[in-house]
């Protein structure tokens, strides 16, 4: 069982907050002019920042979620849904733009597809952050590619948080425009200001230009001395704590069910919670894996855990993880 302890350091989550509309199963779009029925539709808080903040708040963690929502009925509903699980919504600004929505199309036998409206997230910027946004002991910067107005300031925000003594985590998400050289340079500049980089496997491969995750990790190790935690879906994650430490594989038990939207963000929540409870990188990754797996088992309209749920969690197999034996990182 996971002993959560009685105290946590405060966490700031800064990033995209929006609405998610998850539809399943959708193996393919219907032909033009035709209609198809689906079995399940779920409307819930979304965005990397929104999901991470929601999971942390519902778990009882001391978290502040910094983001924005449109000043429209959809934004009002998402704000109320976040508040209902304990999110402090006063740090989420309202803007005169339509609230962004992502439509996630899922099916058991295919990779997920997403359609996202730009909406209010186009304008989220440094101006939307309060003066004390970068002062929490732990800071997660996320949703980089969906918040273009914030992008030029992310490296400076990370530097400011680090100077304030914060442990700075960065999960950029995926570049929809194709990972150009300038984008890679911009991301690497942000990463250098952080303590931990949290990509998924596809993002790390795209960023480094490699086809093998171990080679991609080795490439990152040539330019970044901090921790790299690679989320690998049903395979678990890889934790490379430093240039001198062996990479560790954290495995997870496969979860039945196709609705995996938000799994990586739930991992980020568990990872940040682990750090706030004093765990090291690998220990925090084990907690992130356990929480993400448990969240996926929840009903579509309840993608979070209560403090009581956390107390009943089991550690992933292999308490200390498994060293990656075929890596030059050893």
C-alpha atoms as a PDB file:
ATOM      1  CA  UNK A   1       0.000   0.000   0.000  1.00  0.00           C
ATOM      2  CA  UNK A   2       1.092   3.608  -0.525  1.00  0.00           C
ATOM      3  CA  UNK A   3       1.713   5.562   2.648  1.00  0.00           C
ATOM      4  CA  UNK A   4       0.973   9.155   1.734  1.00  0.00           C
ATOM      5  CA  UNK A   5       2.079  10.829   4.925  1.00  0.00           C
ATOM      6  CA  UNK A   6       0.469  13.892   6.480  1.00  0.00           C
ATOM      7  CA  UNK A   7       2.087  16.877   4.778  1.00  0.00           C
ATOM      8  CA  UNK A   8       2.983  18.002   1.285  1.00  0.00           C
ATOM      9  CA  UNK A   9       4.880  20.911  -0.185  1.00  0.00           C
ATOM     10  CA  UNK A  10       2.755  23.261  -2.270  1.00  0.00           C
ATOM     11  CA  UNK A  11       2.569  22.729  -6.036  1.00  0.00           C
ATOM     12  CA  UNK A  12       1.910  25.291  -8.773  1.00  0.00           C
ATOM     13  CA  UNK A  13       0.571  24.055 -12.112  1.00  0.00           C
ATOM     14  CA  UNK A  14       0.861  26.586 -14.935  1.00  0.00           C
ATOM     15  CA  UNK A  15      -0.604  25.749 -18.324  1.00  0.00           C
ATOM     16  CA  UNK A  16      -3.614  25.074 -20.501  1.00  0.00           C
ATOM     17  CA  UNK A  17      -7.086  24.675 -19.019  1.00  0.00           C
ATOM     18  CA  UNK A  18      -9.957  23.821 -21.353  1.00  0.00           C
ATOM     19  CA  UNK A  19     -12.850  21.434 -21.991  1.00  0.00           C
ATOM     20  CA  UNK A  20     -12.535  17.835 -23.195  1.00  0.00           C
ATOM     21  CA  UNK A  21     -15.236  15.981 -25.113  1.00  0.00           C
ATOM     22  CA  UNK A  22     -14.239  12.313 -25.291  1.00  0.00           C
ATOM     23  CA  UNK A  23     -16.135  10.070 -27.730  1.00  0.00           C
ATOM     24  CA  UNK A  24     -15.728   6.309 -28.010  1.00  0.00           C
ATOM     25  CA  UNK A  25     -15.520   4.043 -29.829  1.00  0.00           C
ATOM     26  CA  UNK A  26     -14.629   5.964 -32.975  1.00  0.00           C
ATOM     27  CA  UNK A  27     -12.543   3.805 -35.302  1.00  0.00           C
ATOM     28  CA  UNK A  28     -12.971   6.255 -38.199  1.00  0.00           C
ATOM     29  CA  UNK A  29     -14.947   9.341 -39.117  1.00  0.00           C
ATOM     30  CA  UNK A  30     -18.182   8.702 -41.029  1.00  0.00           C
ATOM     31  CA  UNK A  31     -18.189   9.508 -44.760  1.00  0.00           C
ATOM     32  CA  UNK A  32     -19.231  13.071 -45.666  1.00  0.00           C
ATOM     33  CA  UNK A  33     -22.956  13.578 -45.212  1.00  0.00           C
ATOM     34  CA  UNK A  34     -23.438  10.448 -43.061  1.00  0.00           C
ATOM     35  CA  UNK A  35     -24.090  10.005 -39.352  1.00  0.00           C
ATOM     36  CA  UNK A  36     -22.824   7.404 -36.879  1.00  0.00           C
ATOM     37  CA  UNK A  37     -23.709   6.678 -33.257  1.00  0.00           C
ATOM     38  CA  UNK A  38     -21.143   6.182 -30.492  1.00  0.00           C
ATOM     39  CA  UNK A  39     -21.537   4.327 -27.212  1.00  0.00           C
ATOM     40  CA  UNK A  40     -20.032   6.829 -24.804  1.00  0.00           C
ATOM     41  CA  UNK A  41     -19.529  10.595 -24.656  1.00  0.00           C
ATOM     42  CA  UNK A  42     -17.833  12.324 -21.729  1.00  0.00           C
ATOM     43  CA  UNK A  43     -17.605  16.083 -21.125  1.00  0.00           C
ATOM     44  CA  UNK A  44     -15.035  17.043 -18.487  1.00  0.00           C
ATOM     45  CA  UNK A  45     -12.184  19.442 -17.585  1.00  0.00           C
ATOM     46  CA  UNK A  46      -9.276  19.098 -19.966  1.00  0.00           C
ATOM     47  CA  UNK A  47      -5.948  20.519 -20.988  1.00  0.00           C
ATOM     48  CA  UNK A  48      -2.680  19.333 -19.498  1.00  0.00           C
ATOM     49  CA  UNK A  49      -2.833  21.976 -16.791  1.00  0.00           C
ATOM     50  CA  UNK A  50      -6.521  21.455 -16.097  1.00  0.00           C
ATOM     51  CA  UNK A  51      -6.289  17.689 -15.711  1.00  0.00           C
ATOM     52  CA  UNK A  52      -3.135  17.798 -13.608  1.00  0.00           C
ATOM     53  CA  UNK A  53      -4.572  20.472 -11.330  1.00  0.00           C
ATOM     54  CA  UNK A  54      -7.854  18.602 -10.975  1.00  0.00           C
ATOM     55  CA  UNK A  55      -6.174  15.291 -10.048  1.00  0.00           C
ATOM     56  CA  UNK A  56      -3.930  17.001  -7.497  1.00  0.00           C
ATOM     57  CA  UNK A  57      -6.747  18.985  -5.892  1.00  0.00           C
ATOM     58  CA  UNK A  58      -9.076  15.987  -5.692  1.00  0.00           C
ATOM     59  CA  UNK A  59      -6.292  14.010  -4.017  1.00  0.00           C
ATOM     60  CA  UNK A  60      -6.026  16.665  -1.319  1.00  0.00           C
ATOM     61  CA  UNK A  61      -2.689  18.120  -2.448  1.00  0.00           C
ATOM     62  CA  UNK A  62      -1.962  21.823  -1.817  1.00  0.00           C
ATOM     63  CA  UNK A  63      -2.081  22.987  -5.443  1.00  0.00           C
ATOM     64  CA  UNK A  64      -2.702  26.229  -7.288  1.00  0.00           C
ATOM     65  CA  UNK A  65      -3.763  25.998 -10.922  1.00  0.00           C
ATOM     66  CA  UNK A  66      -2.828  28.965 -13.104  1.00  0.00           C
ATOM     67  CA  UNK A  67      -4.569  29.172 -16.447  1.00  0.00           C
ATOM     68  CA  UNK A  68      -7.499  30.792 -18.213  1.00  0.00           C
ATOM     69  CA  UNK A  69     -10.991  29.990 -19.486  1.00  0.00           C
ATOM     70  CA  UNK A  70     -13.319  31.743 -21.867  1.00  0.00           C
ATOM     71  CA  UNK A  71     -16.026  33.965 -20.422  1.00  0.00           C
ATOM     72  CA  UNK A  72     -18.808  31.804 -21.850  1.00  0.00           C
ATOM     73  CA  UNK A  73     -21.168  29.029 -20.656  1.00  0.00           C
ATOM     74  CA  UNK A  74     -18.644  26.272 -21.414  1.00  0.00           C
ATOM     75  CA  UNK A  75     -15.953  28.072 -19.434  1.00  0.00           C
ATOM     76  CA  UNK A  76     -18.368  28.544 -16.540  1.00  0.00           C
ATOM     77  CA  UNK A  77     -19.211  24.838 -16.474  1.00  0.00           C
ATOM     78  CA  UNK A  78     -15.548  23.774 -16.537  1.00  0.00           C
ATOM     79  CA  UNK A  79     -14.744  26.264 -13.773  1.00  0.00           C
ATOM     80  CA  UNK A  80     -17.561  24.860 -11.616  1.00  0.00           C
ATOM     81  CA  UNK A  81     -16.450  21.269 -12.279  1.00  0.00           C
ATOM     82  CA  UNK A  82     -12.911  22.125 -11.179  1.00  0.00           C
ATOM     83  CA  UNK A  83     -14.144  23.927  -8.074  1.00  0.00           C
ATOM     84  CA  UNK A  84     -16.291  20.927  -7.156  1.00  0.00           C
ATOM     85  CA  UNK A  85     -13.180  18.772  -6.655  1.00  0.00           C
ATOM     86  CA  UNK A  86     -11.256  21.420  -4.729  1.00  0.00           C
ATOM     87  CA  UNK A  87      -9.419  23.471  -7.361  1.00  0.00           C
ATOM     88  CA  UNK A  88      -8.791  27.063  -6.279  1.00  0.00           C
ATOM     89  CA  UNK A  89     -10.291  28.707  -9.370  1.00  0.00           C
ATOM     90  CA  UNK A  90      -9.366  32.297  -8.474  1.00  0.00           C
ATOM     91  CA  UNK A  91      -6.036  31.745 -10.274  1.00  0.00           C
ATOM     92  CA  UNK A  92      -7.878  30.888 -13.520  1.00  0.00           C
ATOM     93  CA  UNK A  93      -8.544  34.135 -15.370  1.00  0.00           C
ATOM     94  CA  UNK A  94     -11.549  34.794 -17.614  1.00  0.00           C
ATOM     95  CA  UNK A  95     -11.020  36.129 -21.129  1.00  0.00           C
ATOM     96  CA  UNK A  96     -13.440  37.365 -23.779  1.00  0.00           C
ATOM     97  CA  UNK A  97     -12.785  34.425 -26.077  1.00  0.00           C
ATOM     98  CA  UNK A  98     -14.677  31.158 -26.641  1.00  0.00           C
ATOM     99  CA  UNK A  99     -13.453  28.380 -24.390  1.00  0.00           C
ATOM    100  CA  UNK A 100     -11.200  25.939 -26.207  1.00  0.00           C
ATOM    101  CA  UNK A 101     -12.547  22.407 -26.623  1.00  0.00           C
ATOM    102  CA  UNK A 102     -10.705  19.221 -27.556  1.00  0.00           C
ATOM    103  CA  UNK A 103     -12.711  16.414 -29.107  1.00  0.00           C
ATOM    104  CA  UNK A 104     -10.907  13.141 -28.387  1.00  0.00           C
ATOM    105  CA  UNK A 105     -11.805  10.193 -30.608  1.00  0.00           C
ATOM    106  CA  UNK A 106     -10.906   6.835 -29.084  1.00  0.00           C
ATOM    107  CA  UNK A 107     -11.245   3.167 -29.951  1.00  0.00           C
ATOM    108  CA  UNK A 108      -9.694   0.028 -28.517  1.00  0.00           C
ATOM    109  CA  UNK A 109      -7.810  -0.932 -31.672  1.00  0.00           C
ATOM    110  CA  UNK A 110      -6.361   2.418 -32.751  1.00  0.00           C
ATOM    111  CA  UNK A 111      -4.325   5.334 -31.463  1.00  0.00           C
ATOM    112  CA  UNK A 112      -6.300   8.310 -30.176  1.00  0.00           C
ATOM    113  CA  UNK A 113      -7.080  11.296 -32.409  1.00  0.00           C
ATOM    114  CA  UNK A 114      -7.756  14.846 -31.264  1.00  0.00           C
ATOM    115  CA  UNK A 115      -9.476  17.889 -32.752  1.00  0.00           C
ATOM    116  CA  UNK A 116      -8.918  21.112 -30.791  1.00  0.00           C
ATOM    117  CA  UNK A 117     -10.275  24.620 -31.183  1.00  0.00           C
ATOM    118  CA  UNK A 118      -7.702  27.302 -30.414  1.00  0.00           C
ATOM    119  CA  UNK A 119     -10.161  29.529 -28.546  1.00  0.00           C
ATOM    120  CA  UNK A 120      -9.155  31.233 -25.324  1.00  0.00           C
ATOM    121  CA  UNK A 121      -5.817  29.423 -24.986  1.00  0.00           C
ATOM    122  CA  UNK A 122      -4.398  31.593 -27.795  1.00  0.00           C
ATOM    123  CA  UNK A 123      -4.264  34.565 -25.426  1.00  0.00           C
ATOM    124  CA  UNK A 124      -3.047  32.956 -22.170  1.00  0.00           C
ATOM    125  CA  UNK A 125       0.172  34.774 -21.313  1.00  0.00           C
ATOM    126  CA  UNK A 126       2.486  35.910 -18.532  1.00  0.00           C
ATOM    127  CA  UNK A 127       0.049  38.758 -17.847  1.00  0.00           C
ATOM    128  CA  UNK A 128      -2.474  36.206 -16.568  1.00  0.00           C
ATOM    129  CA  UNK A 129      -0.137  35.063 -13.785  1.00  0.00           C
ATOM    130  CA  UNK A 130      -0.131  36.633 -10.331  1.00  0.00           C
ATOM    131  CA  UNK A 131       3.110  37.939  -8.861  1.00  0.00           C
ATOM    132  CA  UNK A 132       3.457  34.900  -6.587  1.00  0.00           C
ATOM    133  CA  UNK A 133       2.815  32.277  -9.283  1.00  0.00           C
ATOM    134  CA  UNK A 134       6.472  31.233  -9.386  1.00  0.00           C
ATOM    135  CA  UNK A 135       7.035  30.858  -5.639  1.00  0.00           C
ATOM    136  CA  UNK A 136       5.695  27.365  -4.884  1.00  0.00           C
ATOM    137  CA  UNK A 137       8.214  24.714  -3.760  1.00  0.00           C
ATOM    138  CA  UNK A 138       7.264  22.669  -6.852  1.00  0.00           C
ATOM    139  CA  UNK A 139       6.309  24.188 -10.224  1.00  0.00           C
ATOM    140  CA  UNK A 140       4.963  22.306 -13.259  1.00  0.00           C
ATOM    141  CA  UNK A 141       4.993  24.148 -16.590  1.00  0.00           C
ATOM    142  CA  UNK A 142       2.825  22.370 -19.154  1.00  0.00           C
ATOM    143  CA  UNK A 143       0.748  22.845 -22.307  1.00  0.00           C
ATOM    144  CA  UNK A 144       3.567  24.700 -24.095  1.00  0.00           C
ATOM    145  CA  UNK A 145       2.311  24.133 -27.634  1.00  0.00           C
ATOM    146  CA  UNK A 146      -1.307  25.097 -26.907  1.00  0.00           C
ATOM    147  CA  UNK A 147      -0.425  28.434 -25.243  1.00  0.00           C
ATOM    148  CA  UNK A 148       1.488  30.354 -27.944  1.00  0.00           C
ATOM    149  CA  UNK A 149       1.327  33.730 -26.193  1.00  0.00           C
ATOM    150  CA  UNK A 150       3.096  32.243 -23.161  1.00  0.00           C
ATOM    151  CA  UNK A 151       5.835  30.451 -25.127  1.00  0.00           C
ATOM    152  CA  UNK A 152       8.339  33.343 -25.303  1.00  0.00           C
ATOM    153  CA  UNK A 153       8.301  33.687 -21.511  1.00  0.00           C
ATOM    154  CA  UNK A 154       8.395  30.042 -20.410  1.00  0.00           C
ATOM    155  CA  UNK A 155      12.193  29.870 -20.100  1.00  0.00           C
ATOM    156  CA  UNK A 156      12.205  33.033 -17.992  1.00  0.00           C
ATOM    157  CA  UNK A 157       9.340  31.742 -15.838  1.00  0.00           C
ATOM    158  CA  UNK A 158      11.264  28.517 -15.224  1.00  0.00           C
ATOM    159  CA  UNK A 159      14.390  30.497 -14.355  1.00  0.00           C
ATOM    160  CA  UNK A 160      12.435  32.712 -11.968  1.00  0.00           C
ATOM    161  CA  UNK A 161      10.851  29.726 -10.222  1.00  0.00           C
ATOM    162  CA  UNK A 162      14.215  28.022  -9.914  1.00  0.00           C
ATOM    163  CA  UNK A 163      15.755  31.167  -8.400  1.00  0.00           C
ATOM    164  CA  UNK A 164      12.899  31.164  -5.891  1.00  0.00           C
ATOM    165  CA  UNK A 165      13.938  27.669  -4.789  1.00  0.00           C
ATOM    166  CA  UNK A 166      11.246  25.754  -6.668  1.00  0.00           C
ATOM    167  CA  UNK A 167      11.718  22.297  -8.180  1.00  0.00           C
ATOM    168  CA  UNK A 168      10.790  23.027 -11.797  1.00  0.00           C
ATOM    169  CA  UNK A 169       9.125  20.378 -14.001  1.00  0.00           C
ATOM    170  CA  UNK A 170       8.413  20.801 -17.709  1.00  0.00           C
ATOM    171  CA  UNK A 171       6.027  18.857 -19.937  1.00  0.00           C
ATOM    172  CA  UNK A 172       5.635  20.648 -23.289  1.00  0.00           C
ATOM    173  CA  UNK A 173       3.197  18.296 -24.995  1.00  0.00           C
ATOM    174  CA  UNK A 174       3.327  17.608 -28.717  1.00  0.00           C
ATOM    175  CA  UNK A 175       4.172  20.046 -31.497  1.00  0.00           C
ATOM    176  CA  UNK A 176       1.363  19.931 -34.050  1.00  0.00           C
ATOM    177  CA  UNK A 177       3.481  21.843 -36.569  1.00  0.00           C
ATOM    178  CA  UNK A 178       6.185  19.205 -36.999  1.00  0.00           C
ATOM    179  CA  UNK A 179       9.101  19.840 -34.593  1.00  0.00           C
ATOM    180  CA  UNK A 180      11.111  22.323 -36.631  1.00  0.00           C
ATOM    181  CA  UNK A 181      14.700  23.131 -35.771  1.00  0.00           C
ATOM    182  CA  UNK A 182      13.687  26.451 -34.219  1.00  0.00           C
ATOM    183  CA  UNK A 183      11.090  24.719 -32.044  1.00  0.00           C
ATOM    184  CA  UNK A 184      13.652  22.191 -30.858  1.00  0.00           C
ATOM    185  CA  UNK A 185      16.083  24.982 -29.980  1.00  0.00           C
ATOM    186  CA  UNK A 186      13.362  26.859 -28.082  1.00  0.00           C
ATOM    187  CA  UNK A 187      12.398  23.739 -26.110  1.00  0.00           C
ATOM    188  CA  UNK A 188      15.993  22.900 -25.263  1.00  0.00           C
ATOM    189  CA  UNK A 189      16.449  26.440 -23.938  1.00  0.00           C
ATOM    190  CA  UNK A 190      13.457  25.949 -21.620  1.00  0.00           C
ATOM    191  CA  UNK A 191      14.610  22.495 -20.534  1.00  0.00           C
ATOM    192  CA  UNK A 192      17.965  23.904 -19.424  1.00  0.00           C
ATOM    193  CA  UNK A 193      16.151  26.065 -16.868  1.00  0.00           C
ATOM    194  CA  UNK A 194      14.300  23.096 -15.355  1.00  0.00           C
ATOM    195  CA  UNK A 195      15.122  20.310 -12.928  1.00  0.00           C
ATOM    196  CA  UNK A 196      13.075  17.641 -14.702  1.00  0.00           C
ATOM    197  CA  UNK A 197      11.852  17.095 -18.272  1.00  0.00           C
ATOM    198  CA  UNK A 198       8.636  15.034 -18.598  1.00  0.00           C
ATOM    199  CA  UNK A 199       8.030  14.059 -22.244  1.00  0.00           C
ATOM    200  CA  UNK A 200       6.196  11.027 -23.507  1.00  0.00           C
ATOM    201  CA  UNK A 201       8.060   8.581 -25.727  1.00  0.00           C
ATOM    202  CA  UNK A 202       6.839  10.046 -29.032  1.00  0.00           C
ATOM    203  CA  UNK A 203       7.747  13.583 -27.960  1.00  0.00           C
ATOM    204  CA  UNK A 204      11.274  12.610 -26.896  1.00  0.00           C
ATOM    205  CA  UNK A 205      11.848  10.789 -30.180  1.00  0.00           C
ATOM    206  CA  UNK A 206      10.562  13.761 -32.185  1.00  0.00           C
ATOM    207  CA  UNK A 207      12.649  16.230 -30.194  1.00  0.00           C
ATOM    208  CA  UNK A 208      15.900  14.288 -30.615  1.00  0.00           C
ATOM    209  CA  UNK A 209      15.294  12.854 -34.094  1.00  0.00           C
ATOM    210  CA  UNK A 210      15.918   9.265 -32.926  1.00  0.00           C
ATOM    211  CA  UNK A 211      13.776   6.174 -33.424  1.00  0.00           C
ATOM    212  CA  UNK A 212      14.895   4.384 -30.247  1.00  0.00           C
ATOM    213  CA  UNK A 213      14.042   5.741 -26.810  1.00  0.00           C
ATOM    214  CA  UNK A 214      17.372   4.723 -25.251  1.00  0.00           C
ATOM    215  CA  UNK A 215      19.292   6.511 -27.993  1.00  0.00           C
ATOM    216  CA  UNK A 216      17.032   9.515 -27.493  1.00  0.00           C
ATOM    217  CA  UNK A 217      17.787   9.510 -23.760  1.00  0.00           C
ATOM    218  CA  UNK A 218      21.497   9.356 -24.498  1.00  0.00           C
ATOM    219  CA  UNK A 219      21.111  12.348 -26.808  1.00  0.00           C
ATOM    220  CA  UNK A 220      19.332  14.326 -24.077  1.00  0.00           C
ATOM    221  CA  UNK A 221      22.069  13.412 -21.627  1.00  0.00           C
ATOM    222  CA  UNK A 222      24.605  15.223 -23.838  1.00  0.00           C
ATOM    223  CA  UNK A 223      22.905  18.573 -23.245  1.00  0.00           C
ATOM    224  CA  UNK A 224      20.837  18.259 -20.047  1.00  0.00           C
ATOM    225  CA  UNK A 225      22.087  17.271 -16.607  1.00  0.00           C
ATOM    226  CA  UNK A 226      18.712  17.203 -14.855  1.00  0.00           C
ATOM    227  CA  UNK A 227      16.210  14.362 -14.558  1.00  0.00           C
ATOM    228  CA  UNK A 228      14.404  12.980 -17.609  1.00  0.00           C
ATOM    229  CA  UNK A 229      11.238  10.948 -17.056  1.00  0.00           C
ATOM    230  CA  UNK A 230       9.807   9.407 -20.227  1.00  0.00           C
ATOM    231  CA  UNK A 231       6.136   8.374 -20.134  1.00  0.00           C
ATOM    232  CA  UNK A 232       5.614   5.249 -22.220  1.00  0.00           C
ATOM    233  CA  UNK A 233       1.895   4.537 -21.905  1.00  0.00           C
ATOM    234  CA  UNK A 234       1.034   0.948 -21.064  1.00  0.00           C
ATOM    235  CA  UNK A 235       4.751   0.144 -20.790  1.00  0.00           C
ATOM    236  CA  UNK A 236       5.188   2.455 -17.782  1.00  0.00           C
ATOM    237  CA  UNK A 237       8.024   4.973 -17.788  1.00  0.00           C
ATOM    238  CA  UNK A 238      11.797   5.393 -17.881  1.00  0.00           C
ATOM    239  CA  UNK A 239      13.557   7.462 -15.221  1.00  0.00           C
ATOM    240  CA  UNK A 240      16.994   8.893 -15.905  1.00  0.00           C
ATOM    241  CA  UNK A 241      17.789  10.782 -12.715  1.00  0.00           C
ATOM    242  CA  UNK A 242      21.130  12.243 -13.805  1.00  0.00           C
ATOM    243  CA  UNK A 243      24.010  11.811 -16.216  1.00  0.00           C
ATOM    244  CA  UNK A 244      25.767   9.476 -13.777  1.00  0.00           C
ATOM    245  CA  UNK A 245      22.795   7.309 -12.772  1.00  0.00           C
ATOM    246  CA  UNK A 246      21.463   4.208 -14.484  1.00  0.00           C
ATOM    247  CA  UNK A 247      18.152   4.619 -16.247  1.00  0.00           C
ATOM    248  CA  UNK A 248      15.365   2.858 -14.349  1.00  0.00           C
ATOM    249  CA  UNK A 249      12.282   1.265 -15.881  1.00  0.00           C
ATOM    250  CA  UNK A 250       9.037   1.576 -13.909  1.00  0.00           C
ATOM    251  CA  UNK A 251       6.457  -0.878 -15.185  1.00  0.00           C
ATOM    252  CA  UNK A 252       2.690  -0.711 -14.789  1.00  0.00           C
ATOM    253  CA  UNK A 253      -0.118  -3.221 -14.898  1.00  0.00           C
ATOM    254  CA  UNK A 254      -2.018  -2.930 -18.229  1.00  0.00           C
ATOM    255  CA  UNK A 255      -5.436  -1.310 -17.856  1.00  0.00           C
ATOM    256  CA  UNK A 256      -8.506  -2.466 -19.743  1.00  0.00           C
ATOM    257  CA  UNK A 257     -10.528   0.231 -21.502  1.00  0.00           C
ATOM    258  CA  UNK A 258      -9.903   2.578 -24.406  1.00  0.00           C
ATOM    259  CA  UNK A 259     -10.466   5.949 -22.651  1.00  0.00           C
ATOM    260  CA  UNK A 260      -6.880   6.961 -21.935  1.00  0.00           C
ATOM    261  CA  UNK A 261      -7.264  10.707 -22.485  1.00  0.00           C
ATOM    262  CA  UNK A 262      -5.460  12.513 -19.673  1.00  0.00           C
ATOM    263  CA  UNK A 263      -3.359   9.549 -18.546  1.00  0.00           C
ATOM    264  CA  UNK A 264      -0.070  11.402 -19.000  1.00  0.00           C
ATOM    265  CA  UNK A 265      -1.371  14.415 -17.119  1.00  0.00           C
ATOM    266  CA  UNK A 266      -2.554  12.167 -14.279  1.00  0.00           C
ATOM    267  CA  UNK A 267       0.977  10.739 -14.200  1.00  0.00           C
ATOM    268  CA  UNK A 268       2.346  14.286 -13.912  1.00  0.00           C
ATOM    269  CA  UNK A 269       0.011  14.908 -10.974  1.00  0.00           C
ATOM    270  CA  UNK A 270       1.199  11.784  -9.171  1.00  0.00           C
ATOM    271  CA  UNK A 271       4.820  12.575  -9.968  1.00  0.00           C
ATOM    272  CA  UNK A 272       4.524  16.108  -8.564  1.00  0.00           C
ATOM    273  CA  UNK A 273       2.701  14.756  -5.515  1.00  0.00           C
ATOM    274  CA  UNK A 274       5.502  12.271  -4.929  1.00  0.00           C
ATOM    275  CA  UNK A 275       8.081  15.061  -4.991  1.00  0.00           C
ATOM    276  CA  UNK A 276       5.947  17.149  -2.652  1.00  0.00           C
ATOM    277  CA  UNK A 277       5.923  14.213  -0.205  1.00  0.00           C
ATOM    278  CA  UNK A 278       9.711  13.950  -0.268  1.00  0.00           C
ATOM    279  CA  UNK A 279      10.165  11.059  -2.710  1.00  0.00           C
ATOM    280  CA  UNK A 280      13.085  10.956  -5.143  1.00  0.00           C
ATOM    281  CA  UNK A 281      12.666  10.931  -8.933  1.00  0.00           C
ATOM    282  CA  UNK A 282      12.128   7.170  -9.233  1.00  0.00           C
ATOM    283  CA  UNK A 283       9.847   7.018  -6.211  1.00  0.00           C
ATOM    284  CA  UNK A 284       7.785   9.886  -7.583  1.00  0.00           C
ATOM    285  CA  UNK A 285       7.561   8.120 -10.948  1.00  0.00           C
ATOM    286  CA  UNK A 286       6.260   4.996  -9.204  1.00  0.00           C
ATOM    287  CA  UNK A 287       3.544   7.082  -7.567  1.00  0.00           C
ATOM    288  CA  UNK A 288       2.764   8.790 -10.869  1.00  0.00           C
ATOM    289  CA  UNK A 289       2.403   5.416 -12.570  1.00  0.00           C
ATOM    290  CA  UNK A 290       0.144   4.099  -9.804  1.00  0.00           C
ATOM    291  CA  UNK A 291      -2.088   7.180  -9.859  1.00  0.00           C
ATOM    292  CA  UNK A 292      -2.373   7.265 -13.660  1.00  0.00           C
ATOM    293  CA  UNK A 293      -3.328   3.583 -13.725  1.00  0.00           C
ATOM    294  CA  UNK A 294      -5.910   4.077 -10.980  1.00  0.00           C
ATOM    295  CA  UNK A 295      -7.413   7.148 -12.662  1.00  0.00           C
ATOM    296  CA  UNK A 296      -7.921   5.176 -15.885  1.00  0.00           C
ATOM    297  CA  UNK A 297     -10.069   2.711 -13.941  1.00  0.00           C
ATOM    298  CA  UNK A 298     -12.453   5.473 -12.842  1.00  0.00           C
ATOM    299  CA  UNK A 299     -15.724   6.269 -14.646  1.00  0.00           C
ATOM    300  CA  UNK A 300     -15.361   8.678 -17.564  1.00  0.00           C
ATOM    301  CA  UNK A 301     -16.945  11.541 -15.601  1.00  0.00           C
ATOM    302  CA  UNK A 302     -14.767  10.970 -12.520  1.00  0.00           C
ATOM    303  CA  UNK A 303     -11.179  10.940 -13.734  1.00  0.00           C
ATOM    304  CA  UNK A 304      -9.553  11.627 -10.391  1.00  0.00           C
ATOM    305  CA  UNK A 305      -8.900   9.990  -7.008  1.00  0.00           C
ATOM    306  CA  UNK A 306      -9.865  10.991  -3.484  1.00  0.00           C
ATOM    307  CA  UNK A 307      -7.390  10.937  -0.580  1.00  0.00           C
ATOM    308  CA  UNK A 308      -9.046   7.684   0.525  1.00  0.00           C
ATOM    309  CA  UNK A 309      -8.465   6.201  -2.953  1.00  0.00           C
ATOM    310  CA  UNK A 310      -4.775   7.068  -2.663  1.00  0.00           C
ATOM    311  CA  UNK A 311      -4.378   5.202   0.589  1.00  0.00           C
ATOM    312  CA  UNK A 312      -5.529   2.024  -1.131  1.00  0.00           C
ATOM    313  CA  UNK A 313      -3.127   2.222  -4.067  1.00  0.00           C
ATOM    314  CA  UNK A 314      -0.520  -0.481  -4.648  1.00  0.00           C
ATOM    315  CA  UNK A 315       3.006   0.260  -5.808  1.00  0.00           C
ATOM    316  CA  UNK A 316       3.835  -0.769  -9.393  1.00  0.00           C
ATOM    317  CA  UNK A 317       5.675  -4.104  -9.795  1.00  0.00           C
ATOM    318  CA  UNK A 318       9.360  -3.925  -8.886  1.00  0.00           C
ATOM    319  CA  UNK A 319       9.483  -1.484  -5.983  1.00  0.00           C
ATOM    320  CA  UNK A 320      12.921  -0.167  -6.903  1.00  0.00           C
ATOM    321  CA  UNK A 321      12.314  -0.275 -10.646  1.00  0.00           C
ATOM    322  CA  UNK A 322      14.401  -2.173 -13.151  1.00  0.00           C
ATOM    323  CA  UNK A 323      17.683  -0.856 -14.476  1.00  0.00           C
ATOM    324  CA  UNK A 324      17.862  -0.604 -18.246  1.00  0.00           C
ATOM    325  CA  UNK A 325      20.642  -3.023 -19.122  1.00  0.00           C
ATOM    326  CA  UNK A 326      21.196  -2.206 -22.791  1.00  0.00           C
ATOM    327  CA  UNK A 327      21.983   1.461 -22.338  1.00  0.00           C
ATOM    328  CA  UNK A 328      25.157   3.496 -22.433  1.00  0.00           C
ATOM    329  CA  UNK A 329      23.582   5.445 -19.585  1.00  0.00           C
ATOM    330  CA  UNK A 330      24.787   2.755 -17.175  1.00  0.00           C
END
